[in-house]
All heavy atoms as atom14 arrays in JSON, in Angstrom:
{
  "sequence": "RFDFDFGLEESMQRRLDLSVKHSGSFMSREKELIGKLQLDLDQID",
  "atom14_mask": [
    [1, 1, 1, 1, 1, 1, 1, 1, 1, 1, 1, 0, 0, 0],
    [1, 1, 1, 1, 1, 1, 1, 1, 1, 1, 1, 0, 0, 0],
    [1, 1, 1, 1, 1, 1, 1, 1, 0, 0, 0, 0, 0, 0],
    [1, 1, 1, 1, 1, 1, 1, 1, 1, 1, 1, 0, 0, 0],
    [1, 1, 1, 1, 1, 1, 1, 1, 0, 0, 0, 0, 0, 0],
    [1, 1, 1, 1, 1, 1, 1, 1, 1, 1, 1, 0, 0, 0],
    [1, 1, 1, 1, 0, 0, 0, 0, 0, 0, 0, 0, 0, 0],
    [1, 1, 1, 1, 1, 1, 1, 1, 0, 0, 0, 0, 0, 0],
    [1, 1, 1, 1, 1, 1, 1, 1, 1, 0, 0, 0, 0, 0],
    [1, 1, 1, 1, 1, 1, 1, 1, 1, 0, 0, 0, 0, 0],
    [1, 1, 1, 1, 1, 1, 0, 0, 0, 0, 0, 0, 0, 0],
    [1, 1, 1, 1, 1, 1, 1, 1, 0, 0, 0, 0, 0, 0],
    [1, 1, 1, 1, 1, 1, 1, 1, 1, 0, 0, 0, 0, 0],
    [1, 1, 1, 1, 1, 1, 1, 1, 1, 1, 1, 0, 0, 0],
    [1, 1, 1, 1, 1, 1, 1, 1, 1, 1, 1, 0, 0, 0],
    [1, 1, 1, 1, 1, 1, 1, 1, 0, 0, 0, 0, 0, 0],
    [1, 1, 1, 1, 1, 1, 1, 1, 0, 0, 0, 0, 0, 0],
    [1, 1, 1, 1, 1, 1, 1, 1, 0, 0, 0, 0, 0, 0],
    [1, 1, 1, 1, 1, 1, 0, 0, 0, 0, 0, 0, 0, 0],
    [1, 1, 1, 1, 1, 1, 1, 0, 0, 0, 0, 0, 0, 0],
    [1, 1, 1, 1, 1, 1, 1, 1, 1, 0, 0, 0, 0, 0],
    [1, 1, 1, 1, 1, 1, 1, 1, 1, 1, 0, 0, 0, 0],
    [1, 1, 1, 1, 1, 1, 0, 0, 0, 0, 0, 0, 0, 0],
    [1, 1, 1, 1, 0, 0, 0, 0, 0, 0, 0, 0, 0, 0],
    [1, 1, 1, 1, 1, 1, 0, 0, 0, 0, 0, 0, 0, 0],
    [1, 1, 1, 1, 1, 1, 1, 1, 1, 1, 1, 0, 0, 0],
    [1, 1, 1, 1, 1, 1, 1, 1, 0, 0, 0, 0, 0, 0],
    [1, 1, 1, 1, 1, 1, 0, 0, 0, 0, 0, 0, 0, 0],
    [1, 1, 1, 1, 1, 1, 1, 1, 1, 1, 1, 0, 0, 0],
    [1, 1, 1, 1, 1, 1, 1, 1, 1, 0, 0, 0, 0, 0],
    [1, 1, 1, 1, 1, 1, 1, 1, 1, 0, 0, 0, 0, 0],
    [1, 1, 1, 1, 1, 1, 1, 1, 1, 0, 0, 0, 0, 0],
    [1, 1, 1, 1, 1, 1, 1, 1, 0, 0, 0, 0, 0, 0],
    [1, 1, 1, 1, 1, 1, 1, 1, 0, 0, 0, 0, 0, 0],
    [1, 1, 1, 1, 0, 0, 0, 0, 0, 0, 0, 0, 0, 0],
    [1, 1, 1, 1, 1, 1, 1, 1, 1, 0, 0, 0, 0, 0],
    [1, 1, 1, 1, 1, 1, 1, 1, 0, 0, 0, 0, 0, 0],
    [1, 1, 1, 1, 1, 1, 1, 1, 1, 0, 0, 0, 0, 0],
    [1, 1, 1, 1, 1, 1, 1, 1, 0, 0, 0, 0, 0, 0],
    [1, 1, 1, 1, 1, 1, 1, 1, 0, 0, 0, 0, 0, 0],
    [1, 1, 1, 1, 1, 1, 1, 1, 0, 0, 0, 0, 0, 0],
    [1, 1, 1, 1, 1, 1, 1, 1, 0, 0, 0, 0, 0, 0],
    [1, 1, 1, 1, 1, 1, 1, 1, 1, 0, 0, 0, 0, 0],
    [1, 1, 1, 1, 1, 1, 1, 1, 0, 0, 0, 0, 0, 0],
    [1, 1, 1, 1, 1, 1, 1, 1, 0, 0, 0, 0, 0, 0]
  ],
  "atom14_positions": [
    [[113.97, 110.84, 70.09], [112.92, 111.32, 69.18], [112.03, 112.34, 69.88], [111.67, 112.17, 71.04], [112.08, 110.13, 68.71], [110.91, 110.56, 67.84], [110.11, 109.36, 67.34], [108.83, 109.84, 66.81], [108.26, 109.38, 65.71], [108.85, 108.43, 65.01], [107.09, 109.85, 65.3], [0.0, 0.0, 0.0], [0.0, 0.0, 0.0], [0.0, 0.0, 0.0]],
    [[111.69, 113.39, 69.15], [110.83, 114.45, 69.69], [109.66, 114.63, 68.74], [109.85, 114.73, 67.53], [111.62, 115.75, 69.82], [112.86, 115.62, 70.67], [114.08, 115.28, 70.1], [112.8, 115.79, 72.04], [115.22, 115.13, 70.88], [113.94, 115.65, 72.84], [115.15, 115.32, 72.25], [0.0, 0.0, 0.0], [0.0, 0.0, 0.0], [0.0, 0.0, 0.0]],
    [[108.46, 114.68, 69.3], [107.26, 114.82, 68.48], [106.55, 116.14, 68.76], [106.54, 116.62, 69.89], [106.27, 113.69, 68.79], [106.8, 112.35, 68.3], [106.89, 112.18, 67.08], [107.13, 111.5, 69.14], [0.0, 0.0, 0.0], [0.0, 0.0, 0.0], [0.0, 0.0, 0.0], [0.0, 0.0, 0.0], [0.0, 0.0, 0.0], [0.0, 0.0, 0.0]],
    [[105.96, 116.69, 67.71], [105.22, 117.95, 67.84], [103.9, 117.8, 67.1], [103.86, 117.29, 65.97], [106.02, 119.1, 67.23], [107.38, 119.25, 67.84], [108.48, 118.61, 67.29], [107.55, 120.02, 68.98], [109.72, 118.73, 67.86], [108.81, 120.14, 69.56], [109.9, 119.5, 68.99], [0.0, 0.0, 0.0], [0.0, 0.0, 0.0], [0.0, 0.0, 0.0]],
    [[102.82, 118.24, 67.72], [101.51, 118.1, 67.1], [101.27, 119.23, 66.11], [100.48, 120.15, 66.37], [100.41, 118.07, 68.17], [100.46, 116.78, 68.96], [100.66, 115.72, 68.33], [100.33, 116.82, 70.2], [0.0, 0.0, 0.0], [0.0, 0.0, 0.0], [0.0, 0.0, 0.0], [0.0, 0.0, 0.0], [0.0, 0.0, 0.0], [0.0, 0.0, 0.0]],
    [[101.97, 119.16, 64.99], [101.8, 120.15, 63.94], [101.33, 119.44, 62.68], [101.83, 118.36, 62.35], [103.13, 120.83, 63.57], [103.72, 121.67, 64.66], [105.1, 121.88, 64.7], [102.93, 122.28, 65.62], [105.66, 122.67, 65.69], [103.49, 123.06, 66.62], [104.86, 123.25, 66.65], [0.0, 0.0, 0.0], [0.0, 0.0, 0.0], [0.0, 0.0, 0.0]],
    [[100.39, 120.08, 61.99], [100.04, 119.58, 60.66], [101.19, 119.85, 59.7], [102.14, 120.57, 60.03], [0.0, 0.0, 0.0], [0.0, 0.0, 0.0], [0.0, 0.0, 0.0], [0.0, 0.0, 0.0], [0.0, 0.0, 0.0], [0.0, 0.0, 0.0], [0.0, 0.0, 0.0], [0.0, 0.0, 0.0], [0.0, 0.0, 0.0], [0.0, 0.0, 0.0]],
    [[101.1, 119.32, 58.51], [102.17, 119.47, 57.52], [102.37, 120.95, 57.17], [103.5, 121.43, 57.13], [101.83, 118.66, 56.26], [102.94, 118.61, 55.21], [104.21, 117.99, 55.78], [102.47, 117.82, 53.99], [0.0, 0.0, 0.0], [0.0, 0.0, 0.0], [0.0, 0.0, 0.0], [0.0, 0.0, 0.0], [0.0, 0.0, 0.0], [0.0, 0.0, 0.0]],
    [[101.28, 121.66, 56.95], [101.39, 123.08, 56.59], [102.13, 123.85, 57.67], [103.03, 124.64, 57.39], [99.99, 123.69, 56.38], [99.3, 123.23, 55.13], [100.12, 123.54, 53.88], [100.55, 124.71, 53.72], [100.35, 122.61, 53.08], [0.0, 0.0, 0.0], [0.0, 0.0, 0.0], [0.0, 0.0, 0.0], [0.0, 0.0, 0.0], [0.0, 0.0, 0.0]],
    [[101.7, 123.63, 58.89], [102.31, 124.36, 59.99], [103.78, 123.98, 60.15], [104.64, 124.83, 60.39], [101.56, 124.09, 61.3], [102.0, 125.01, 62.43], [101.27, 124.75, 63.74], [100.33, 123.92, 63.75], [101.66, 125.38, 64.74], [0.0, 0.0, 0.0], [0.0, 0.0, 0.0], [0.0, 0.0, 0.0], [0.0, 0.0, 0.0], [0.0, 0.0, 0.0]],
    [[104.06, 122.69, 59.98], [105.44, 122.22, 60.11], [106.35, 122.94, 59.13], [107.49, 123.29, 59.43], [105.52, 120.71, 59.86], [104.74, 120.02, 60.81], [0.0, 0.0, 0.0], [0.0, 0.0, 0.0], [0.0, 0.0, 0.0], [0.0, 0.0, 0.0], [0.0, 0.0, 0.0], [0.0, 0.0, 0.0], [0.0, 0.0, 0.0], [0.0, 0.0, 0.0]],
    [[105.82, 123.14, 57.91], [106.65, 123.74, 56.86], [106.93, 125.21, 57.11], [107.82, 125.79, 56.5], [105.99, 123.54, 55.5], [106.05, 122.09, 55.07], [105.22, 121.79, 53.5], [106.4, 122.51, 52.37], [0.0, 0.0, 0.0], [0.0, 0.0, 0.0], [0.0, 0.0, 0.0], [0.0, 0.0, 0.0], [0.0, 0.0, 0.0], [0.0, 0.0, 0.0]],
    [[106.16, 125.81, 58.01], [106.42, 127.22, 58.3], [107.42, 127.38, 59.44], [107.76, 128.49, 59.83], [105.11, 127.92, 58.66], [104.19, 128.06, 57.46], [102.76, 128.31, 57.89], [102.49, 128.72, 59.01], [101.82, 128.04, 56.97], [0.0, 0.0, 0.0], [0.0, 0.0, 0.0], [0.0, 0.0, 0.0], [0.0, 0.0, 0.0], [0.0, 0.0, 0.0]],
    [[107.86, 126.26, 59.97], [108.76, 126.32, 61.12], [110.21, 126.36, 60.68], [110.57, 125.88, 59.6], [108.55, 125.09, 62.02], [107.17, 125.04, 62.63], [107.06, 126.04, 63.77], [105.69, 126.17, 64.26], [105.41, 126.65, 65.47], [106.37, 127.02, 66.28], [104.17, 126.77, 65.85], [0.0, 0.0, 0.0], [0.0, 0.0, 0.0], [0.0, 0.0, 0.0]],
    [[111.02, 126.91, 61.57], [112.45, 126.96, 61.33], [113.12, 126.28, 62.53], [112.88, 126.67, 63.68], [112.9, 128.41, 61.21], [114.38, 128.6, 60.97], [114.69, 130.1, 60.98], [116.1, 130.34, 60.75], [116.62, 130.54, 59.54], [115.86, 130.51, 58.47], [117.92, 130.76, 59.42], [0.0, 0.0, 0.0], [0.0, 0.0, 0.0], [0.0, 0.0, 0.0]],
    [[113.91, 125.29, 62.26], [114.6, 124.58, 63.33], [115.82, 125.4, 63.75], [116.66, 125.75, 62.92], [115.06, 123.21, 62.84], [115.93, 122.4, 63.81], [115.14, 121.99, 65.04], [116.5, 121.17, 63.12], [0.0, 0.0, 0.0], [0.0, 0.0, 0.0], [0.0, 0.0, 0.0], [0.0, 0.0, 0.0], [0.0, 0.0, 0.0], [0.0, 0.0, 0.0]],
    [[115.87, 125.74, 65.02], [117.02, 126.48, 65.56], [117.67, 125.57, 66.58], [117.16, 125.4, 67.69], [116.51, 127.77, 66.21], [117.66, 128.62, 66.76], [118.82, 128.36, 66.39], [117.39, 129.53, 67.58], [0.0, 0.0, 0.0], [0.0, 0.0, 0.0], [0.0, 0.0, 0.0], [0.0, 0.0, 0.0], [0.0, 0.0, 0.0], [0.0, 0.0, 0.0]],
    [[118.75, 124.93, 66.19], [119.35, 123.88, 67.0], [120.75, 124.29, 67.48], [121.5, 124.91, 66.73], [119.42, 122.6, 66.17], [120.08, 121.35, 66.77], [119.38, 120.1, 66.24], [121.56, 121.28, 66.42], [0.0, 0.0, 0.0], [0.0, 0.0, 0.0], [0.0, 0.0, 0.0], [0.0, 0.0, 0.0], [0.0, 0.0, 0.0], [0.0, 0.0, 0.0]],
    [[121.05, 123.94, 68.7], [122.39, 124.2, 69.24], [122.94, 122.93, 69.86], [122.21, 122.19, 70.52], [122.34, 125.27, 70.35], [121.79, 126.46, 69.86], [0.0, 0.0, 0.0], [0.0, 0.0, 0.0], [0.0, 0.0, 0.0], [0.0, 0.0, 0.0], [0.0, 0.0, 0.0], [0.0, 0.0, 0.0], [0.0, 0.0, 0.0], [0.0, 0.0, 0.0]],
    [[124.22, 122.7, 69.65], [124.9, 121.64, 70.38], [125.72, 122.37, 71.44], [126.5, 123.27, 71.12], [125.83, 120.82, 69.47], [126.51, 119.72, 70.28], [125.04, 120.22, 68.32], [0.0, 0.0, 0.0], [0.0, 0.0, 0.0], [0.0, 0.0, 0.0], [0.0, 0.0, 0.0], [0.0, 0.0, 0.0], [0.0, 0.0, 0.0], [0.0, 0.0, 0.0]],
    [[125.48, 122.02, 72.69], [126.11, 122.75, 73.79], [126.91, 121.83, 74.69], [126.65, 120.62, 74.74], [125.05, 123.49, 74.61], [124.39, 124.61, 73.83], [123.37, 125.32, 74.67], [122.82, 126.54, 73.92], [121.7, 127.15, 74.64], [0.0, 0.0, 0.0], [0.0, 0.0, 0.0], [0.0, 0.0, 0.0], [0.0, 0.0, 0.0], [0.0, 0.0, 0.0]],
    [[127.85, 122.45, 75.36], [128.68, 121.73, 76.33], [128.12, 122.03, 77.7], [127.94, 123.17, 78.09], [130.12, 122.23, 76.2], [131.01, 121.85, 77.35], [131.26, 120.54, 77.69], [131.71, 122.61, 78.22], [132.08, 120.52, 78.74], [132.36, 121.75, 79.08], [0.0, 0.0, 0.0], [0.0, 0.0, 0.0], [0.0, 0.0, 0.0], [0.0, 0.0, 0.0]],
    [[127.82, 120.96, 78.44], [127.22, 121.13, 79.75], [128.32, 121.3, 80.79], [128.6, 120.39, 81.56], [126.37, 119.89, 80.03], [126.15, 119.77, 81.39], [0.0, 0.0, 0.0], [0.0, 0.0, 0.0], [0.0, 0.0, 0.0], [0.0, 0.0, 0.0], [0.0, 0.0, 0.0], [0.0, 0.0, 0.0], [0.0, 0.0, 0.0], [0.0, 0.0, 0.0]],
    [[128.99, 122.44, 80.76], [130.05, 122.7, 81.73], [129.46, 123.22, 83.01], [128.26, 123.46, 83.09], [0.0, 0.0, 0.0], [0.0, 0.0, 0.0], [0.0, 0.0, 0.0], [0.0, 0.0, 0.0], [0.0, 0.0, 0.0], [0.0, 0.0, 0.0], [0.0, 0.0, 0.0], [0.0, 0.0, 0.0], [0.0, 0.0, 0.0], [0.0, 0.0, 0.0]],
    [[130.29, 123.38, 84.01], [129.76, 123.95, 85.26], [129.54, 125.44, 85.04], [130.22, 126.07, 84.24], [130.75, 123.74, 86.39], [131.91, 124.49, 86.15], [0.0, 0.0, 0.0], [0.0, 0.0, 0.0], [0.0, 0.0, 0.0], [0.0, 0.0, 0.0], [0.0, 0.0, 0.0], [0.0, 0.0, 0.0], [0.0, 0.0, 0.0], [0.0, 0.0, 0.0]],
    [[128.58, 126.0, 85.75], [128.28, 127.42, 85.56], [129.44, 128.29, 86.0], [129.62, 129.38, 85.51], [127.02, 127.79, 86.35], [125.79, 127.19, 85.76], [125.08, 126.21, 86.43], [125.35, 127.57, 84.5], [123.95, 125.64, 85.88], [124.22, 127.0, 83.93], [123.52, 126.04, 84.63], [0.0, 0.0, 0.0], [0.0, 0.0, 0.0], [0.0, 0.0, 0.0]],
    [[130.22, 127.77, 86.93], [131.31, 128.58, 87.46], [132.48, 128.67, 86.47], [133.23, 129.62, 86.48], [131.83, 127.97, 88.78], [130.76, 127.84, 89.85], [129.97, 129.42, 90.19], [131.35, 130.29, 90.96], [0.0, 0.0, 0.0], [0.0, 0.0, 0.0], [0.0, 0.0, 0.0], [0.0, 0.0, 0.0], [0.0, 0.0, 0.0], [0.0, 0.0, 0.0]],
    [[132.62, 127.64, 85.65], [133.81, 127.61, 84.79], [133.64, 128.57, 83.63], [132.53, 128.96, 83.26], [134.03, 126.2, 84.27], [133.13, 125.95, 83.22], [0.0, 0.0, 0.0], [0.0, 0.0, 0.0], [0.0, 0.0, 0.0], [0.0, 0.0, 0.0], [0.0, 0.0, 0.0], [0.0, 0.0, 0.0], [0.0, 0.0, 0.0], [0.0, 0.0, 0.0]],
    [[134.76, 128.9, 83.02], [134.72, 129.81, 81.87], [134.71, 129.03, 80.57], [135.03, 129.56, 79.51], [135.93, 130.74, 81.89], [135.93, 131.67, 83.09], [137.07, 132.66, 82.98], [136.85, 133.8, 83.87], [136.11, 134.85, 83.54], [135.51, 134.9, 82.36], [135.95, 135.85, 84.38], [0.0, 0.0, 0.0], [0.0, 0.0, 0.0], [0.0, 0.0, 0.0]],
    [[134.38, 127.76, 80.64], [134.4, 126.95, 79.43], [133.33, 127.44, 78.46], [132.26, 127.86, 78.87], [134.14, 125.47, 79.77], [135.29, 124.84, 80.52], [134.89, 123.5, 81.13], [133.79, 123.01, 80.83], [135.7, 122.96, 81.92], [0.0, 0.0, 0.0], [0.0, 0.0, 0.0], [0.0, 0.0, 0.0], [0.0, 0.0, 0.0], [0.0, 0.0, 0.0]],
    [[133.67, 127.35, 77.21], [132.73, 127.74, 76.17], [131.53, 126.81, 76.21], [131.68, 125.6, 76.32], [133.43, 127.62, 74.81], [132.67, 128.23, 73.67], [133.62, 128.43, 72.5], [133.95, 127.09, 71.84], [132.94, 126.63, 70.89], [0.0, 0.0, 0.0], [0.0, 0.0, 0.0], [0.0, 0.0, 0.0], [0.0, 0.0, 0.0], [0.0, 0.0, 0.0]],
    [[130.35, 127.39, 76.14], [129.17, 126.53, 76.23], [128.71, 126.06, 74.86], [128.41, 124.89, 74.66], [128.03, 127.28, 76.93], [126.88, 126.35, 77.27], [125.58, 127.09, 77.56], [125.47, 128.29, 77.24], [124.66, 126.44, 78.09], [0.0, 0.0, 0.0], [0.0, 0.0, 0.0], [0.0, 0.0, 0.0], [0.0, 0.0, 0.0], [0.0, 0.0, 0.0]],
    [[128.65, 126.99, 73.92], [128.11, 126.64, 72.61], [129.17, 125.95, 71.75], [130.26, 126.47, 71.56], [127.61, 127.9, 71.89], [127.0, 127.62, 70.53], [125.67, 126.91, 70.67], [126.82, 128.91, 69.75], [0.0, 0.0, 0.0], [0.0, 0.0, 0.0], [0.0, 0.0, 0.0], [0.0, 0.0, 0.0], [0.0, 0.0, 0.0], [0.0, 0.0, 0.0]],
    [[128.85, 124.77, 71.25], [129.78, 124.07, 70.37], [129.46, 124.37, 68.91], [130.34, 124.63, 68.1], [129.72, 122.54, 70.62], [130.1, 122.24, 72.08], [130.65, 121.8, 69.66], [129.95, 120.78, 72.47], [0.0, 0.0, 0.0], [0.0, 0.0, 0.0], [0.0, 0.0, 0.0], [0.0, 0.0, 0.0], [0.0, 0.0, 0.0], [0.0, 0.0, 0.0]],
    [[128.18, 124.35, 68.59], [127.8, 124.64, 67.21], [126.31, 124.84, 67.08], [125.54, 124.44, 67.94], [0.0, 0.0, 0.0], [0.0, 0.0, 0.0], [0.0, 0.0, 0.0], [0.0, 0.0, 0.0], [0.0, 0.0, 0.0], [0.0, 0.0, 0.0], [0.0, 0.0, 0.0], [0.0, 0.0, 0.0], [0.0, 0.0, 0.0], [0.0, 0.0, 0.0]],
    [[125.92, 125.51, 65.96], [124.5, 125.81, 65.74], [124.09, 125.36, 64.35], [124.91, 125.23, 63.46], [124.27, 127.31, 65.85], [124.2, 127.84, 67.27], [123.86, 129.31, 67.28], [122.38, 129.58, 67.12], [121.59, 129.15, 68.28], [0.0, 0.0, 0.0], [0.0, 0.0, 0.0], [0.0, 0.0, 0.0], [0.0, 0.0, 0.0], [0.0, 0.0, 0.0]],
    [[122.79, 125.16, 64.23], [122.22, 124.83, 62.93], [120.87, 125.52, 62.83], [120.07, 125.46, 63.76], [122.03, 123.31, 62.82], [121.15, 122.81, 61.67], [121.8, 123.05, 60.33], [120.84, 121.34, 61.84], [0.0, 0.0, 0.0], [0.0, 0.0, 0.0], [0.0, 0.0, 0.0], [0.0, 0.0, 0.0], [0.0, 0.0, 0.0], [0.0, 0.0, 0.0]],
    [[120.65, 126.22, 61.71], [119.32, 126.76, 61.46], [118.83, 126.22, 60.14], [119.57, 126.19, 59.16], [119.35, 128.3, 61.44], [119.56, 128.87, 62.84], [118.73, 130.13, 63.08], [118.26, 130.76, 62.15], [118.55, 130.48, 64.34], [0.0, 0.0, 0.0], [0.0, 0.0, 0.0], [0.0, 0.0, 0.0], [0.0, 0.0, 0.0], [0.0, 0.0, 0.0]],
    [[117.61, 125.74, 60.15], [117.11, 125.03, 58.99], [115.62, 125.32, 58.81], [114.83, 125.1, 59.72], [117.31, 123.53, 59.24], [117.04, 122.56, 58.12], [118.02, 122.75, 56.99], [117.14, 121.14, 58.67], [0.0, 0.0, 0.0], [0.0, 0.0, 0.0], [0.0, 0.0, 0.0], [0.0, 0.0, 0.0], [0.0, 0.0, 0.0], [0.0, 0.0, 0.0]],
    [[115.28, 125.84, 57.64], [113.86, 126.05, 57.34], [113.27, 124.71, 56.93], [113.77, 124.04, 56.02], [113.69, 127.05, 56.19], [114.07, 128.46, 56.65], [113.63, 128.85, 57.74], [114.81, 129.15, 55.92], [0.0, 0.0, 0.0], [0.0, 0.0, 0.0], [0.0, 0.0, 0.0], [0.0, 0.0, 0.0], [0.0, 0.0, 0.0], [0.0, 0.0, 0.0]],
    [[112.19, 124.34, 57.6], [111.64, 123.01, 57.35], [110.96, 122.88, 55.98], [110.7, 121.79, 55.52], [110.7, 122.59, 58.47], [111.36, 122.46, 59.86], [110.41, 121.79, 60.84], [112.67, 121.69, 59.8], [0.0, 0.0, 0.0], [0.0, 0.0, 0.0], [0.0, 0.0, 0.0], [0.0, 0.0, 0.0], [0.0, 0.0, 0.0], [0.0, 0.0, 0.0]],
    [[110.69, 124.03, 55.32], [110.11, 123.92, 53.98], [111.18, 123.5, 52.95], [110.87, 123.26, 51.8], [109.4, 125.22, 53.56], [110.35, 126.4, 53.5], [111.57, 126.22, 53.72], [109.87, 127.52, 53.23], [0.0, 0.0, 0.0], [0.0, 0.0, 0.0], [0.0, 0.0, 0.0], [0.0, 0.0, 0.0], [0.0, 0.0, 0.0], [0.0, 0.0, 0.0]],
    [[112.43, 123.43, 53.39], [113.51, 122.96, 52.52], [113.57, 121.43, 52.49], [114.37, 120.85, 51.77], [114.88, 123.46, 53.03], [114.99, 124.96, 53.16], [114.87, 125.65, 51.81], [115.59, 125.32, 50.88], [113.95, 126.6, 51.71], [0.0, 0.0, 0.0], [0.0, 0.0, 0.0], [0.0, 0.0, 0.0], [0.0, 0.0, 0.0], [0.0, 0.0, 0.0]],
    [[112.79, 120.8, 53.33], [112.9, 119.36, 53.52], [111.65, 118.65, 53.01], [110.55, 119.17, 53.13], [113.11, 119.07, 55.02], [114.52, 119.49, 55.4], [112.91, 117.59, 55.35], [114.81, 119.3, 56.84], [0.0, 0.0, 0.0], [0.0, 0.0, 0.0], [0.0, 0.0, 0.0], [0.0, 0.0, 0.0], [0.0, 0.0, 0.0], [0.0, 0.0, 0.0]],
    [[111.83, 117.47, 52.46], [110.69, 116.65, 52.05], [110.14, 115.98, 53.3], [110.49, 114.85, 53.63], [111.14, 115.61, 51.01], [109.96, 114.82, 50.47], [108.85, 114.96, 51.02], [110.15, 114.06, 49.5], [0.0, 0.0, 0.0], [0.0, 0.0, 0.0], [0.0, 0.0, 0.0], [0.0, 0.0, 0.0], [0.0, 0.0, 0.0], [0.0, 0.0, 0.0]]
  ]
}
């Protein structure tokens, strides 16, 4: 769980920019990004 000290109004102006990443070694050529999600919080109750 992650908490942010935002009022409701401010929260609704935020856009969640989320990434699921693979924690590979920096030396390897493995793909890091697995997937992304962008979500405007005013779309949510």
